[in-house]
Amino acid sequence: EQLVESGGGLVQPGGSLRLSCRASRSIFAFDDMGWYRQAP
């Protein structure tokens, strides 16, 4: 399974975004999942 992330963008400080992570099959009901980030 490869997950597909979307929803990022450029936003001003104080703003909001909603990210999505889509899977091709049912995994979220059975697995402990996380959001990760990596800055340069």
ModelCIF file with pLDDT and N, C-alpha, C, O atoms, coordinates in Angstrom:
data_MODEL
#
_entry.id   MODEL 
#
_entity.id                         1 
_entity.type                       polymer 
_entity.pdbx_number_of_molecules   1 
#
_entity_poly.entity_id                      1 
_entity_poly.type                           'polypeptide(L)' 
_entity_poly.nstd_linkage                   no 
_entity_poly.nstd_monomer                   no 
_entity_poly.pdbx_seq_one_letter_code       EQLVESGGGLVQPGGSLRLSCRASRSIFAFDDMGWYRQAP 
_entity_poly.pdbx_seq_one_letter_code_can   EQLVESGGGLVQPGGSLRLSCRASRSIFAFDDMGWYRQAP 
_entity_poly.pdbx_strand_id                 A 
#
loop_
_entity_poly_seq.entity_id 
_entity_poly_seq.num 
_entity_poly_seq.mon_id 
_entity_poly_seq.hetero 
1 1  GLU n 
1 2  GLN n 
1 3  LEU n 
1 4  VAL n 
1 5  GLU n 
1 6  SER n 
1 7  GLY n 
1 8  GLY n 
1 9  GLY n 
1 10 LEU n 
1 11 VAL n 
1 12 GLN n 
1 13 PRO n 
1 14 GLY n 
1 15 GLY n 
1 16 SER n 
1 17 LEU n 
1 18 ARG n 
1 19 LEU n 
1 20 SER n 
1 21 CYS n 
1 22 ARG n 
1 23 ALA n 
1 24 SER n 
1 25 ARG n 
1 26 SER n 
1 27 ILE n 
1 28 PHE n 
1 29 ALA n 
1 30 PHE n 
1 31 ASP n 
1 32 ASP n 
1 33 MET n 
1 34 GLY n 
1 35 TRP n 
1 36 TYR n 
1 37 ARG n 
1 38 GLN n 
1 39 ALA n 
1 40 PRO n 
#
_struct_asym.id          A 
_struct_asym.entity_id   1 
#
loop_
_ma_qa_metric.id 
_ma_qa_metric.mode 
_ma_qa_metric.name 
_ma_qa_metric.software_group_id 
_ma_qa_metric.type 
1 global pLDDT . pLDDT 
2 local  pLDDT . pLDDT 
#
_ma_qa_metric_global.metric_id      1 
_ma_qa_metric_global.metric_value   95.03 
_ma_qa_metric_global.model_id       1 
_ma_qa_metric_global.ordinal_id     1 
#
loop_
_ma_qa_metric_local.label_asym_id 
_ma_qa_metric_local.label_comp_id 
_ma_qa_metric_local.label_seq_id 
_ma_qa_metric_local.metric_id 
_ma_qa_metric_local.metric_value 
_ma_qa_metric_local.model_id 
_ma_qa_metric_local.ordinal_id 
A GLU 1  2 78.00 1 1  
A GLN 2  2 83.00 1 2  
A LEU 3  2 93.00 1 3  
A VAL 4  2 96.00 1 4  
A GLU 5  2 98.00 1 5  
A SER 6  2 98.00 1 6  
A GLY 7  2 98.00 1 7  
A GLY 8  2 98.00 1 8  
A GLY 9  2 98.00 1 9  
A LEU 10 2 98.00 1 10 
A VAL 11 2 98.00 1 11 
A GLN 12 2 98.00 1 12 
A PRO 13 2 98.00 1 13 
A GLY 14 2 98.00 1 14 
A GLY 15 2 98.00 1 15 
A SER 16 2 98.00 1 16 
A LEU 17 2 98.00 1 17 
A ARG 18 2 98.00 1 18 
A LEU 19 2 98.00 1 19 
A SER 20 2 98.00 1 20 
A CYS 21 2 97.00 1 21 
A ARG 22 2 96.00 1 22 
A ALA 23 2 94.00 1 23 
A SER 24 2 91.00 1 24 
A ARG 25 2 90.00 1 25 
A SER 26 2 90.00 1 26 
A ILE 27 2 90.00 1 27 
A PHE 28 2 91.00 1 28 
A ALA 29 2 89.00 1 29 
A PHE 30 2 92.00 1 30 
A ASP 31 2 94.00 1 31 
A ASP 32 2 96.00 1 32 
A MET 33 2 96.00 1 33 
A GLY 34 2 97.00 1 34 
A TRP 35 2 98.00 1 35 
A TYR 36 2 98.00 1 36 
A ARG 37 2 98.00 1 37 
A GLN 38 2 98.00 1 38 
A ALA 39 2 96.00 1 39 
A PRO 40 2 92.00 1 40 
#
loop_
_atom_site.group_PDB 
_atom_site.id 
_atom_site.type_symbol 
_atom_site.label_atom_id 
_atom_site.label_alt_id 
_atom_site.label_comp_id 
_atom_site.label_asym_id 
_atom_site.label_entity_id 
_atom_site.label_seq_id 
_atom_site.pdbx_PDB_ins_code 
_atom_site.Cartn_x 
_atom_site.Cartn_y 
_atom_site.Cartn_z 
_atom_site.occupancy 
_atom_site.B_iso_or_equiv 
_atom_site.pdbx_formal_charge 
_atom_site.auth_seq_id 
_atom_site.auth_comp_id 
_atom_site.auth_asym_id 
_atom_site.auth_atom_id 
_atom_site.pdbx_PDB_model_num 
ATOM 1   N N  . GLU A 1 1  ? 0.824  -1.197 0.000  1.00 78.00 ? 1  GLU A N  1 
ATOM 2   C CA . GLU A 1 1  ? 0.000  0.000  0.000  1.00 78.00 ? 1  GLU A CA 1 
ATOM 3   C C  . GLU A 1 1  ? 0.861  1.251  0.000  1.00 78.00 ? 1  GLU A C  1 
ATOM 4   O O  . GLU A 1 1  ? 1.800  1.368  0.788  1.00 78.00 ? 1  GLU A O  1 
ATOM 5   N N  . GLN A 1 2  ? 0.536  2.194  -0.895 1.00 83.00 ? 2  GLN A N  1 
ATOM 6   C CA . GLN A 1 2  ? 1.183  3.499  -0.874 1.00 83.00 ? 2  GLN A CA 1 
ATOM 7   C C  . GLN A 1 2  ? 0.119  4.550  -0.613 1.00 83.00 ? 2  GLN A C  1 
ATOM 8   O O  . GLN A 1 2  ? -0.920 4.585  -1.273 1.00 83.00 ? 2  GLN A O  1 
ATOM 9   N N  . LEU A 1 3  ? 0.394  5.391  0.346  1.00 93.00 ? 3  LEU A N  1 
ATOM 10  C CA . LEU A 1 3  ? -0.559 6.404  0.751  1.00 93.00 ? 3  LEU A CA 1 
ATOM 11  C C  . LEU A 1 3  ? -0.330 7.680  -0.052 1.00 93.00 ? 3  LEU A C  1 
ATOM 12  O O  . LEU A 1 3  ? 0.793  7.969  -0.464 1.00 93.00 ? 3  LEU A O  1 
ATOM 13  N N  . VAL A 1 4  ? -1.403 8.440  -0.272 1.00 96.00 ? 4  VAL A N  1 
ATOM 14  C CA . VAL A 1 4  ? -1.337 9.666  -1.058 1.00 96.00 ? 4  VAL A CA 1 
ATOM 15  C C  . VAL A 1 4  ? -1.786 10.835 -0.200 1.00 96.00 ? 4  VAL A C  1 
ATOM 16  O O  . VAL A 1 4  ? -2.926 10.893 0.260  1.00 96.00 ? 4  VAL A O  1 
ATOM 17  N N  . GLU A 1 5  ? -0.858 11.770 0.006  1.00 98.00 ? 5  GLU A N  1 
ATOM 18  C CA . GLU A 1 5  ? -1.150 12.956 0.797  1.00 98.00 ? 5  GLU A CA 1 
ATOM 19  C C  . GLU A 1 5  ? -1.541 14.121 -0.108 1.00 98.00 ? 5  GLU A C  1 
ATOM 20  O O  . GLU A 1 5  ? -1.052 14.229 -1.232 1.00 98.00 ? 5  GLU A O  1 
ATOM 21  N N  . SER A 1 6  ? -2.417 14.989 0.380  1.00 98.00 ? 6  SER A N  1 
ATOM 22  C CA . SER A 1 6  ? -2.819 16.179 -0.370 1.00 98.00 ? 6  SER A CA 1 
ATOM 23  C C  . SER A 1 6  ? -3.306 17.248 0.591  1.00 98.00 ? 6  SER A C  1 
ATOM 24  O O  . SER A 1 6  ? -3.518 16.990 1.776  1.00 98.00 ? 6  SER A O  1 
ATOM 25  N N  . GLY A 1 7  ? -3.482 18.457 0.058  1.00 98.00 ? 7  GLY A N  1 
ATOM 26  C CA . GLY A 1 7  ? -4.066 19.532 0.845  1.00 98.00 ? 7  GLY A CA 1 
ATOM 27  C C  . GLY A 1 7  ? -3.098 20.602 1.313  1.00 98.00 ? 7  GLY A C  1 
ATOM 28  O O  . GLY A 1 7  ? -3.509 21.586 1.927  1.00 98.00 ? 7  GLY A O  1 
ATOM 29  N N  . GLY A 1 8  ? -1.814 20.419 1.029  1.00 98.00 ? 8  GLY A N  1 
ATOM 30  C CA . GLY A 1 8  ? -0.850 21.424 1.451  1.00 98.00 ? 8  GLY A CA 1 
ATOM 31  C C  . GLY A 1 8  ? -0.943 22.691 0.628  1.00 98.00 ? 8  GLY A C  1 
ATOM 32  O O  . GLY A 1 8  ? -1.722 22.780 -0.320 1.00 98.00 ? 8  GLY A O  1 
ATOM 33  N N  . GLY A 1 9  ? -0.135 23.671 1.006  1.00 98.00 ? 9  GLY A N  1 
ATOM 34  C CA . GLY A 1 9  ? -0.126 24.931 0.277  1.00 98.00 ? 9  GLY A CA 1 
ATOM 35  C C  . GLY A 1 9  ? 0.590  26.009 1.045  1.00 98.00 ? 9  GLY A C  1 
ATOM 36  O O  . GLY A 1 9  ? 1.243  25.752 2.057  1.00 98.00 ? 9  GLY A O  1 
ATOM 37  N N  . LEU A 1 10 ? 0.456  27.228 0.547  1.00 98.00 ? 10 LEU A N  1 
ATOM 38  C CA . LEU A 1 10 ? 1.051  28.397 1.177  1.00 98.00 ? 10 LEU A CA 1 
ATOM 39  C C  . LEU A 1 10 ? -0.030 29.114 1.988  1.00 98.00 ? 10 LEU A C  1 
ATOM 40  O O  . LEU A 1 10 ? -1.108 29.412 1.471  1.00 98.00 ? 10 LEU A O  1 
ATOM 41  N N  . VAL A 1 11 ? 0.260  29.384 3.238  1.00 98.00 ? 11 VAL A N  1 
ATOM 42  C CA . VAL A 1 11 ? -0.715 30.025 4.108  1.00 98.00 ? 11 VAL A CA 1 
ATOM 43  C C  . VAL A 1 11 ? 0.010  31.022 5.000  1.00 98.00 ? 11 VAL A C  1 
ATOM 44  O O  . VAL A 1 11 ? 1.175  30.828 5.347  1.00 98.00 ? 11 VAL A O  1 
ATOM 45  N N  . GLN A 1 12 ? -0.681 32.078 5.363  1.00 98.00 ? 12 GLN A N  1 
ATOM 46  C CA . GLN A 1 12 ? -0.093 33.080 6.251  1.00 98.00 ? 12 GLN A CA 1 
ATOM 47  C C  . GLN A 1 12 ? -0.109 32.590 7.698  1.00 98.00 ? 12 GLN A C  1 
ATOM 48  O O  . GLN A 1 12 ? -0.943 31.760 8.059  1.00 98.00 ? 12 GLN A O  1 
ATOM 49  N N  . PRO A 1 13 ? 0.789  33.088 8.515  1.00 98.00 ? 13 PRO A N  1 
ATOM 50  C CA . PRO A 1 13 ? 0.749  32.733 9.939  1.00 98.00 ? 13 PRO A CA 1 
ATOM 51  C C  . PRO A 1 13 ? -0.629 33.003 10.531 1.00 98.00 ? 13 PRO A C  1 
ATOM 52  O O  . PRO A 1 13 ? -1.246 34.035 10.266 1.00 98.00 ? 13 PRO A O  1 
ATOM 53  N N  . GLY A 1 14 ? -1.097 32.059 11.335 1.00 98.00 ? 14 GLY A N  1 
ATOM 54  C CA . GLY A 1 14 ? -2.431 32.143 11.901 1.00 98.00 ? 14 GLY A CA 1 
ATOM 55  C C  . GLY A 1 14 ? -3.497 31.482 11.068 1.00 98.00 ? 14 GLY A C  1 
ATOM 56  O O  . GLY A 1 14 ? -4.633 31.329 11.517 1.00 98.00 ? 14 GLY A O  1 
ATOM 57  N N  . GLY A 1 15 ? -3.147 31.088 9.855  1.00 98.00 ? 15 GLY A N  1 
ATOM 58  C CA . GLY A 1 15 ? -4.106 30.470 8.961  1.00 98.00 ? 15 GLY A CA 1 
ATOM 59  C C  . GLY A 1 15 ? -4.315 28.995 9.242  1.00 98.00 ? 15 GLY A C  1 
ATOM 60  O O  . GLY A 1 15 ? -3.764 28.435 10.190 1.00 98.00 ? 15 GLY A O  1 
ATOM 61  N N  . SER A 1 16 ? -5.134 28.376 8.383  1.00 98.00 ? 16 SER A N  1 
ATOM 62  C CA . SER A 1 16 ? -5.507 26.969 8.555  1.00 98.00 ? 16 SER A CA 1 
ATOM 63  C C  . SER A 1 16 ? -5.374 26.209 7.248  1.00 98.00 ? 16 SER A C  1 
ATOM 64  O O  . SER A 1 16 ? -5.504 26.776 6.163  1.00 98.00 ? 16 SER A O  1 
ATOM 65  N N  . LEU A 1 17 ? -5.115 24.924 7.371  1.00 98.00 ? 17 LEU A N  1 
ATOM 66  C CA . LEU A 1 17 ? -5.126 23.989 6.244  1.00 98.00 ? 17 LEU A CA 1 
ATOM 67  C C  . LEU A 1 17 ? -5.657 22.665 6.751  1.00 98.00 ? 17 LEU A C  1 
ATOM 68  O O  . LEU A 1 17 ? -5.546 22.345 7.935  1.00 98.00 ? 17 LEU A O  1 
ATOM 69  N N  . ARG A 1 18 ? -6.242 21.893 5.832  1.00 98.00 ? 18 ARG A N  1 
ATOM 70  C CA . ARG A 1 18 ? -6.621 20.523 6.157  1.00 98.00 ? 18 ARG A CA 1 
ATOM 71  C C  . ARG A 1 18 ? -5.944 19.581 5.180  1.00 98.00 ? 18 ARG A C  1 
ATOM 72  O O  . ARG A 1 18 ? -6.150 19.661 3.969  1.00 98.00 ? 18 ARG A O  1 
ATOM 73  N N  . LEU A 1 19 ? -5.143 18.698 5.721  1.00 98.00 ? 19 LEU A N  1 
ATOM 74  C CA . LEU A 1 19 ? -4.454 17.698 4.919  1.00 98.00 ? 19 LEU A CA 1 
ATOM 75  C C  . LEU A 1 19 ? -5.274 16.409 4.866  1.00 98.00 ? 19 LEU A C  1 
ATOM 76  O O  . LEU A 1 19 ? -6.004 16.076 5.801  1.00 98.00 ? 19 LEU A O  1 
ATOM 77  N N  . SER A 1 20 ? -5.136 15.700 3.759  1.00 98.00 ? 20 SER A N  1 
ATOM 78  C CA . SER A 1 20 ? -5.803 14.410 3.595  1.00 98.00 ? 20 SER A CA 1 
ATOM 79  C C  . SER A 1 20 ? -4.777 13.341 3.255  1.00 98.00 ? 20 SER A C  1 
ATOM 80  O O  . SER A 1 20 ? -3.769 13.609 2.601  1.00 98.00 ? 20 SER A O  1 
ATOM 81  N N  . CYS A 1 21 ? -5.049 12.143 3.707  1.00 97.00 ? 21 CYS A N  1 
ATOM 82  C CA . CYS A 1 21 ? -4.213 10.975 3.419  1.00 97.00 ? 21 CYS A CA 1 
ATOM 83  C C  . CYS A 1 21 ? -5.155 9.878  2.945  1.00 97.00 ? 21 CYS A C  1 
ATOM 84  O O  . CYS A 1 21 ? -5.996 9.400  3.707  1.00 97.00 ? 21 CYS A O  1 
ATOM 85  N N  . ARG A 1 22 ? -5.013 9.481  1.685  1.00 96.00 ? 22 ARG A N  1 
ATOM 86  C CA . ARG A 1 22 ? -5.928 8.505  1.122  1.00 96.00 ? 22 ARG A CA 1 
ATOM 87  C C  . ARG A 1 22 ? -5.222 7.178  0.897  1.00 96.00 ? 22 ARG A C  1 
ATOM 88  O O  . ARG A 1 22 ? -4.068 7.132  0.473  1.00 96.00 ? 22 ARG A O  1 
ATOM 89  N N  . ALA A 1 23 ? -5.938 6.100  1.189  1.00 94.00 ? 23 ALA A N  1 
ATOM 90  C CA . ALA A 1 23 ? -5.454 4.748  0.922  1.00 94.00 ? 23 ALA A CA 1 
ATOM 91  C C  . ALA A 1 23 ? -6.364 4.091  -0.100 1.00 94.00 ? 23 ALA A C  1 
ATOM 92  O O  . ALA A 1 23 ? -7.517 4.493  -0.261 1.00 94.00 ? 23 ALA A O  1 
ATOM 93  N N  . SER A 1 24 ? -5.857 3.097  -0.781 1.00 91.00 ? 24 SER A N  1 
ATOM 94  C CA . SER A 1 24 ? -6.649 2.413  -1.811 1.00 91.00 ? 24 SER A CA 1 
ATOM 95  C C  . SER A 1 24 ? -7.494 1.301  -1.218 1.00 91.00 ? 24 SER A C  1 
ATOM 96  O O  . SER A 1 24 ? -8.365 0.749  -1.892 1.00 91.00 ? 24 SER A O  1 
ATOM 97  N N  . ARG A 1 25 ? -7.244 0.976  0.020  1.00 90.00 ? 25 ARG A N  1 
ATOM 98  C CA . ARG A 1 25 ? -8.028 -0.076 0.667  1.00 90.00 ? 25 ARG A CA 1 
ATOM 99  C C  . ARG A 1 25 ? -8.209 0.282  2.136  1.00 90.00 ? 25 ARG A C  1 
ATOM 100 O O  . ARG A 1 25 ? -7.650 1.262  2.626  1.00 90.00 ? 25 ARG A O  1 
ATOM 101 N N  . SER A 1 26 ? -8.985 -0.515 2.813  1.00 90.00 ? 26 SER A N  1 
ATOM 102 C CA . SER A 1 26 ? -9.339 -0.223 4.199  1.00 90.00 ? 26 SER A CA 1 
ATOM 103 C C  . SER A 1 26 ? -8.190 -0.577 5.124  1.00 90.00 ? 26 SER A C  1 
ATOM 104 O O  . SER A 1 26 ? -7.931 -1.751 5.389  1.00 90.00 ? 26 SER A O  1 
ATOM 105 N N  . ILE A 1 27 ? -7.504 0.445  5.612  1.00 90.00 ? 27 ILE A N  1 
ATOM 106 C CA . ILE A 1 27 ? -6.405 0.218  6.549  1.00 90.00 ? 27 ILE A CA 1 
ATOM 107 C C  . ILE A 1 27 ? -6.592 0.987  7.844  1.00 90.00 ? 27 ILE A C  1 
ATOM 108 O O  . ILE A 1 27 ? -6.110 0.565  8.896  1.00 90.00 ? 27 ILE A O  1 
ATOM 109 N N  . PHE A 1 28 ? -7.291 2.116  7.774  1.00 91.00 ? 28 PHE A N  1 
ATOM 110 C CA . PHE A 1 28 ? -7.354 2.988  8.938  1.00 91.00 ? 28 PHE A CA 1 
ATOM 111 C C  . PHE A 1 28 ? -8.159 2.381  10.085 1.00 91.00 ? 28 PHE A C  1 
ATOM 112 O O  . PHE A 1 28 ? -7.965 2.748  11.244 1.00 91.00 ? 28 PHE A O  1 
ATOM 113 N N  . ALA A 1 29 ? -9.055 1.461  9.767  1.00 89.00 ? 29 ALA A N  1 
ATOM 114 C CA . ALA A 1 29 ? -9.843 0.827  10.822 1.00 89.00 ? 29 ALA A CA 1 
ATOM 115 C C  . ALA A 1 29 ? -9.032 -0.193 11.606 1.00 89.00 ? 29 ALA A C  1 
ATOM 116 O O  . ALA A 1 29 ? -9.441 -0.626 12.683 1.00 89.00 ? 29 ALA A O  1 
ATOM 117 N N  . PHE A 1 30 ? -7.868 -0.579 11.058 1.00 92.00 ? 30 PHE A N  1 
ATOM 118 C CA . PHE A 1 30 ? -7.136 -1.702 11.637 1.00 92.00 ? 30 PHE A CA 1 
ATOM 119 C C  . PHE A 1 30 ? -5.719 -1.351 12.068 1.00 92.00 ? 30 PHE A C  1 
ATOM 120 O O  . PHE A 1 30 ? -5.036 -2.169 12.684 1.00 92.00 ? 30 PHE A O  1 
ATOM 121 N N  . ASP A 1 31 ? -5.279 -0.152 11.752 1.00 94.00 ? 31 ASP A N  1 
ATOM 122 C CA . ASP A 1 31 ? -3.881 0.184  11.986 1.00 94.00 ? 31 ASP A CA 1 
ATOM 123 C C  . ASP A 1 31 ? -3.772 1.507  12.739 1.00 94.00 ? 31 ASP A C  1 
ATOM 124 O O  . ASP A 1 31 ? -4.614 2.393  12.589 1.00 94.00 ? 31 ASP A O  1 
ATOM 125 N N  . ASP A 1 32 ? -2.738 1.625  13.538 1.00 96.00 ? 32 ASP A N  1 
ATOM 126 C CA . ASP A 1 32 ? -2.424 2.875  14.204 1.00 96.00 ? 32 ASP A CA 1 
ATOM 127 C C  . ASP A 1 32 ? -1.628 3.737  13.236 1.00 96.00 ? 32 ASP A C  1 
ATOM 128 O O  . ASP A 1 32 ? -0.584 3.321  12.734 1.00 96.00 ? 32 ASP A O  1 
ATOM 129 N N  . MET A 1 33 ? -2.127 4.938  12.978 1.00 96.00 ? 33 MET A N  1 
ATOM 130 C CA . MET A 1 33 ? -1.584 5.772  11.922 1.00 96.00 ? 33 MET A CA 1 
ATOM 131 C C  . MET A 1 33 ? -1.056 7.082  12.469 1.00 96.00 ? 33 MET A C  1 
ATOM 132 O O  . MET A 1 33 ? -1.417 7.518  13.562 1.00 96.00 ? 33 MET A O  1 
ATOM 133 N N  . GLY A 1 34 ? -0.185 7.701  11.675 1.00 97.00 ? 34 GLY A N  1 
ATOM 134 C CA . GLY A 1 34 ? 0.359  8.976  12.117 1.00 97.00 ? 34 GLY A CA 1 
ATOM 135 C C  . GLY A 1 34 ? 0.573  9.945  10.980 1.00 97.00 ? 34 GLY A C  1 
ATOM 136 O O  . GLY A 1 34 ? 0.720  9.554  9.822  1.00 97.00 ? 34 GLY A O  1 
ATOM 137 N N  . TRP A 1 35 ? 0.589  11.215 11.332 1.00 98.00 ? 35 TRP A N  1 
ATOM 138 C CA . TRP A 1 35 ? 1.058  12.269 10.435 1.00 98.00 ? 35 TRP A CA 1 
ATOM 139 C C  . TRP A 1 35 ? 2.469  12.642 10.871 1.00 98.00 ? 35 TRP A C  1 
ATOM 140 O O  . TRP A 1 35 ? 2.746  12.830 12.055 1.00 98.00 ? 35 TRP A O  1 
ATOM 141 N N  . TYR A 1 36 ? 3.345  12.741 9.889  1.00 98.00 ? 36 TYR A N  1 
ATOM 142 C CA . TYR A 1 36 ? 4.735  13.075 10.128 1.00 98.00 ? 36 TYR A CA 1 
ATOM 143 C C  . TYR A 1 36 ? 5.075  14.334 9.320  1.00 98.00 ? 36 TYR A C  1 
ATOM 144 O O  . TYR A 1 36 ? 4.378  14.680 8.366  1.00 98.00 ? 36 TYR A O  1 
ATOM 145 N N  . ARG A 1 37 ? 6.142  15.002 9.714  1.00 98.00 ? 37 ARG A N  1 
ATOM 146 C CA . ARG A 1 37 ? 6.593  16.125 8.906  1.00 98.00 ? 37 ARG A CA 1 
ATOM 147 C C  . ARG A 1 37 ? 8.124  16.175 8.921  1.00 98.00 ? 37 ARG A C  1 
ATOM 148 O O  . ARG A 1 37 ? 8.786  15.736 9.861  1.00 98.00 ? 37 ARG A O  1 
ATOM 149 N N  . GLN A 1 38 ? 8.641  16.731 7.839  1.00 98.00 ? 38 GLN A N  1 
ATOM 150 C CA . GLN A 1 38 ? 10.088 16.875 7.726  1.00 98.00 ? 38 GLN A CA 1 
ATOM 151 C C  . GLN A 1 38 ? 10.404 18.239 7.131  1.00 98.00 ? 38 GLN A C  1 
ATOM 152 O O  . GLN A 1 38 ? 10.026 18.546 6.001  1.00 98.00 ? 38 GLN A O  1 
ATOM 153 N N  . ALA A 1 39 ? 11.099 19.042 7.909  1.00 96.00 ? 39 ALA A N  1 
ATOM 154 C CA . ALA A 1 39 ? 11.553 20.344 7.448  1.00 96.00 ? 39 ALA A CA 1 
ATOM 155 C C  . ALA A 1 39 ? 12.974 20.204 6.908  1.00 96.00 ? 39 ALA A C  1 
ATOM 156 O O  . ALA A 1 39 ? 13.686 19.280 7.301  1.00 96.00 ? 39 ALA A O  1 
ATOM 157 N N  . PRO A 1 40 ? 13.399 21.091 6.026  1.00 92.00 ? 40 PRO A N  1 
ATOM 158 C CA . PRO A 1 40 ? 14.750 21.002 5.464  1.00 92.00 ? 40 PRO A CA 1 
ATOM 159 C C  . PRO A 1 40 ? 15.810 20.955 6.558  1.00 92.00 ? 40 PRO A C  1 
ATOM 160 O O  . PRO A 1 40 ? 17.002 20.880 6.260  1.00 92.00 ? 40 PRO A O  1 
#
